[in-house]
Every structure is written in structure tokens, then in C-alpha cells.
N, C-alpha and C. Protein backbone atom coordinates (compact mmCIF):
# COMPACT_ATOMS: atom_id res chain seq x y z
N MET A 1 -4.26 6.91 -5.33
CA MET A 1 -5.69 6.40 -6.22
C MET A 1 -6.53 5.74 -4.84
N GLY A 2 -7.91 5.50 -4.70
CA GLY A 2 -8.63 5.22 -3.73
C GLY A 2 -9.93 5.74 -4.33
N ASN A 3 -11.15 6.09 -3.15
CA ASN A 3 -12.33 6.00 -3.00
C ASN A 3 -12.75 6.99 -1.86
N GLN A 4 -14.20 6.90 -1.60
CA GLN A 4 -14.75 7.73 -0.51
C GLN A 4 -14.43 6.89 0.70
N ASN A 5 -13.83 5.85 0.77
CA ASN A 5 -13.63 5.34 2.32
C ASN A 5 -12.03 5.12 2.56
N LEU A 6 -11.55 4.99 1.75
CA LEU A 6 -9.49 4.52 1.41
C LEU A 6 -8.91 5.14 0.35
N LEU A 7 -7.60 5.61 0.96
CA LEU A 7 -6.77 6.41 0.04
C LEU A 7 -5.64 5.60 -0.11
N PHE A 8 -5.00 4.96 -0.98
CA PHE A 8 -3.84 4.65 -0.97
C PHE A 8 -2.44 5.72 -1.84
N LEU A 9 -1.66 5.48 -1.18
CA LEU A 9 -0.19 6.71 -1.67
C LEU A 9 0.92 6.00 -1.53
N ARG A 10 2.20 6.70 -1.89
CA ARG A 10 3.47 6.26 -1.33
C ARG A 10 3.73 7.75 -0.83
N ASN A 11 3.76 7.54 0.38
CA ASN A 11 4.73 8.94 1.37
C ASN A 11 6.04 8.11 1.83
N ASN A 12 6.63 8.17 0.99
CA ASN A 12 7.85 7.46 1.09
C ASN A 12 8.07 5.98 1.21
N CYS A 13 7.10 5.56 2.07
CA CYS A 13 6.65 4.38 1.73
C CYS A 13 4.90 3.96 1.56
N ALA A 14 4.76 2.79 1.17
CA ALA A 14 3.26 2.58 0.91
C ALA A 14 2.76 2.82 2.41
N THR A 15 1.48 3.56 2.00
CA THR A 15 0.47 3.96 2.97
C THR A 15 -0.87 3.99 2.50
N TYR A 16 -1.71 3.85 3.58
CA TYR A 16 -3.25 3.99 3.04
C TYR A 16 -3.91 4.71 4.01
N VAL A 17 -4.92 5.74 3.97
CA VAL A 17 -5.73 6.32 4.64
C VAL A 17 -7.02 6.34 4.69
N ASP A 18 -7.67 6.28 5.85
CA ASP A 18 -9.14 5.70 6.43
C ASP A 18 -9.78 7.29 6.27
N MET A 19 -10.63 7.20 5.17
CA MET A 19 -11.44 8.47 4.94
C MET A 19 -12.23 9.04 6.00
N ASP A 20 -12.61 7.78 6.90
CA ASP A 20 -13.71 8.37 7.39
C ASP A 20 -12.85 8.85 9.31
N GLN A 21 -11.83 8.27 9.25
CA GLN A 21 -10.95 8.79 10.57
C GLN A 21 -10.02 9.59 10.26
N LYS A 22 -9.77 9.90 9.05
CA LYS A 22 -9.02 11.35 8.29
C LYS A 22 -7.26 10.77 8.95
N LYS A 23 -6.95 9.11 8.90
CA LYS A 23 -5.82 8.97 9.64
C LYS A 23 -5.11 8.09 8.54
N GLY A 24 -4.00 8.39 8.69
CA GLY A 24 -3.12 7.50 7.74
C GLY A 24 -2.09 6.63 8.33
N PHE A 25 -1.86 5.22 7.69
CA PHE A 25 -1.31 4.40 7.88
C PHE A 25 -0.11 3.63 7.35
N SER A 26 1.06 3.74 7.67
CA SER A 26 2.19 3.94 6.71
C SER A 26 2.78 2.18 7.26
N LEU A 27 2.98 1.90 5.70
CA LEU A 27 3.73 0.30 5.81
C LEU A 27 5.19 0.52 6.09
N ARG A 28 5.59 0.70 7.06
CA ARG A 28 7.52 1.44 7.35
C ARG A 28 8.29 0.08 6.88
N ASN A 29 9.03 0.67 6.06
CA ASN A 29 10.48 -0.10 5.28
C ASN A 29 9.87 -0.84 4.13
N LEU A 30 8.75 -0.48 3.55
CA LEU A 30 8.37 -0.98 2.45
C LEU A 30 7.92 -0.31 1.79
N ARG A 31 8.47 -0.44 0.15
CA ARG A 31 8.42 0.12 -0.82
C ARG A 31 7.98 -1.01 -1.91
N SER A 32 7.05 -0.60 -2.79
CA SER A 32 6.54 -1.83 -3.79
C SER A 32 7.29 -1.63 -4.82
N GLY A 33 8.05 -0.32 -5.18
CA GLY A 33 8.63 -0.07 -6.30
C GLY A 33 8.50 1.30 -6.50
N CYS A 34 9.26 1.85 -7.89
CA CYS A 34 9.31 3.13 -8.07
C CYS A 34 8.25 3.70 -9.09
N SER A 35 7.29 2.94 -9.15
CA SER A 35 6.16 3.59 -9.94
C SER A 35 5.00 3.01 -9.04
N ASN A 36 3.53 3.61 -9.35
CA ASN A 36 2.43 3.53 -9.01
C ASN A 36 1.75 1.98 -8.96
N SER A 37 2.33 0.99 -7.79
CA SER A 37 2.01 -0.37 -8.32
C SER A 37 0.92 -0.67 -7.05
N LEU A 38 0.56 -0.01 -6.25
CA LEU A 38 -0.93 -0.48 -5.37
C LEU A 38 -1.98 -0.49 -6.46
N VAL A 39 -2.59 -1.74 -6.34
CA VAL A 39 -3.67 -2.03 -6.57
C VAL A 39 -4.76 -2.33 -5.80
N ALA A 40 -6.00 -1.50 -6.00
CA ALA A 40 -7.05 -1.96 -5.21
C ALA A 40 -8.33 -2.34 -5.95
N ALA A 41 -8.74 -3.33 -5.85
CA ALA A 41 -10.01 -3.94 -6.49
C ALA A 41 -10.63 -5.28 -5.47
N ASP A 42 -12.09 -4.59 -5.66
CA ASP A 42 -13.01 -5.80 -4.85
C ASP A 42 -12.59 -6.23 -3.77
N GLY A 43 -12.18 -5.32 -2.52
CA GLY A 43 -12.03 -5.59 -1.69
C GLY A 43 -10.61 -6.18 -1.07
N LEU A 44 -9.72 -6.09 -2.18
CA LEU A 44 -8.27 -6.44 -1.99
C LEU A 44 -7.49 -5.65 -2.60
N LEU A 45 -6.41 -5.37 -1.95
CA LEU A 45 -5.12 -4.76 -2.13
C LEU A 45 -4.09 -5.64 -2.53
N SER A 46 -3.67 -5.42 -3.91
CA SER A 46 -2.29 -5.95 -4.29
C SER A 46 -1.22 -5.66 -4.38
N VAL A 47 -0.09 -5.60 -4.10
CA VAL A 47 1.22 -4.63 -4.01
C VAL A 47 2.50 -5.73 -4.28
N PRO A 48 2.12 -5.80 -5.95
CA PRO A 48 3.30 -6.23 -6.72
C PRO A 48 4.48 -5.80 -6.23
N CYS A 49 5.59 -6.43 -6.27
CA CYS A 49 7.06 -5.99 -6.42
C CYS A 49 7.35 -5.62 -7.67
N PHE A 50 7.49 -4.25 -7.86
CA PHE A 50 8.02 -3.64 -9.17
C PHE A 50 9.77 -2.93 -8.46
N SER A 51 10.02 -3.23 -7.77
CA SER A 51 11.36 -2.90 -7.63
C SER A 51 12.50 -3.27 -7.95
N THR A 52 12.73 -4.38 -8.80
CA THR A 52 13.80 -5.29 -9.77
C THR A 52 14.34 -3.73 -10.38
N GLY A 53 15.85 -3.90 -9.92
CA GLY A 53 16.51 -2.69 -10.47
C GLY A 53 16.76 -1.40 -9.86
N CYS A 54 15.81 -1.48 -8.78
CA CYS A 54 15.54 -0.15 -7.90
C CYS A 54 16.68 -0.03 -6.97
N ILE A 55 17.28 1.34 -6.75
CA ILE A 55 18.70 1.46 -6.00
C ILE A 55 18.35 2.16 -4.51
N CYS A 56 17.05 2.04 -4.36
CA CYS A 56 16.74 2.59 -3.30
C CYS A 56 16.77 2.05 -2.10
N ASN A 57 16.81 2.65 -0.64
CA ASN A 57 17.43 1.94 0.28
C ASN A 57 16.13 1.68 1.26
N TYR A 58 15.24 0.97 1.10
CA TYR A 58 14.28 0.07 1.37
C TYR A 58 14.66 -1.32 1.69
N PRO A 59 14.31 -1.75 2.60
CA PRO A 59 15.01 -3.32 3.18
C PRO A 59 14.01 -4.03 2.85
N LEU A 60 12.43 -4.05 2.76
CA LEU A 60 11.93 -4.93 2.10
C LEU A 60 11.28 -5.07 1.02
N GLN A 61 11.71 -5.44 -0.13
CA GLN A 61 11.23 -5.50 -1.21
C GLN A 61 10.58 -6.62 -1.58
N THR A 62 9.18 -6.94 -1.65
CA THR A 62 8.29 -8.13 -1.37
C THR A 62 7.09 -7.50 -2.54
N SER A 63 6.31 -8.81 -2.82
CA SER A 63 4.85 -8.84 -3.07
C SER A 63 3.96 -8.99 -1.81
N PHE A 64 2.82 -8.80 -1.89
CA PHE A 64 1.87 -9.34 -0.93
C PHE A 64 0.34 -8.48 -1.36
N ALA A 65 -0.38 -9.20 -0.69
CA ALA A 65 -1.71 -8.68 -0.61
C ALA A 65 -2.32 -8.31 0.88
N MET A 66 -3.19 -7.47 0.92
CA MET A 66 -4.37 -7.14 1.84
C MET A 66 -5.46 -7.29 1.45
N VAL A 67 -6.66 -7.99 2.36
CA VAL A 67 -7.90 -7.96 2.40
C VAL A 67 -8.66 -7.74 3.54
N HIS A 68 -10.13 -7.11 3.54
CA HIS A 68 -10.41 -6.46 4.02
C HIS A 68 -11.28 -7.43 5.07
N GLN A 69 -11.01 -7.93 6.27
CA GLN A 69 -12.02 -8.84 7.40
C GLN A 69 -12.52 -7.73 8.06
N PRO A 70 -13.68 -7.47 8.30
CA PRO A 70 -14.33 -7.06 9.01
C PRO A 70 -14.79 -7.87 10.30
N SER A 71 -14.79 -9.03 10.15
CA SER A 71 -14.58 -9.61 11.44
C SER A 71 -13.33 -9.37 12.44
N VAL A 72 -12.22 -9.17 12.19
CA VAL A 72 -11.37 -8.93 12.67
C VAL A 72 -11.16 -7.64 13.18
N SER A 73 -11.44 -7.33 14.77
CA SER A 73 -11.47 -5.94 15.15
C SER A 73 -9.57 -5.60 16.08
């Protein structure tokens, strides 16, 4: 899922790709679940925990959200 600026995917763990830089950033050891559960809307990335019952070997099973803050460099 994504748009012309940012792409979200699961490449072993949750990953986002800056399309301008053509560079990917992995959120290591974090898996949101075994389904497509990265939800981007209106400048917010929500990652609900859909890992209930999952037996994958990822130590961080959690929910979180990320927000774009241009003032932070």
C-alpha cells in the first residue's frame, strides 16, 4: 500500500520506503501480524496488533501509530 511519496510493506518485518530517496526503512523485530495491517490515512500510520495466535518468532507484538512531523529533522 502507498502513494507517490511513501510505500508501506512487510519485508520480514514492517517496512516503509521513501519514494523520493528510493530508500527503505525497516522497523526491525516488529511484525504487526500475518495480514496486511499497516493502515495509512491522513498523515497517520496505524499498526494494530493482528498477531493474536501467531506463532512467528518476532519478539515485539504490539500496536502503535506514527505521525508525520515535518518540524522534526
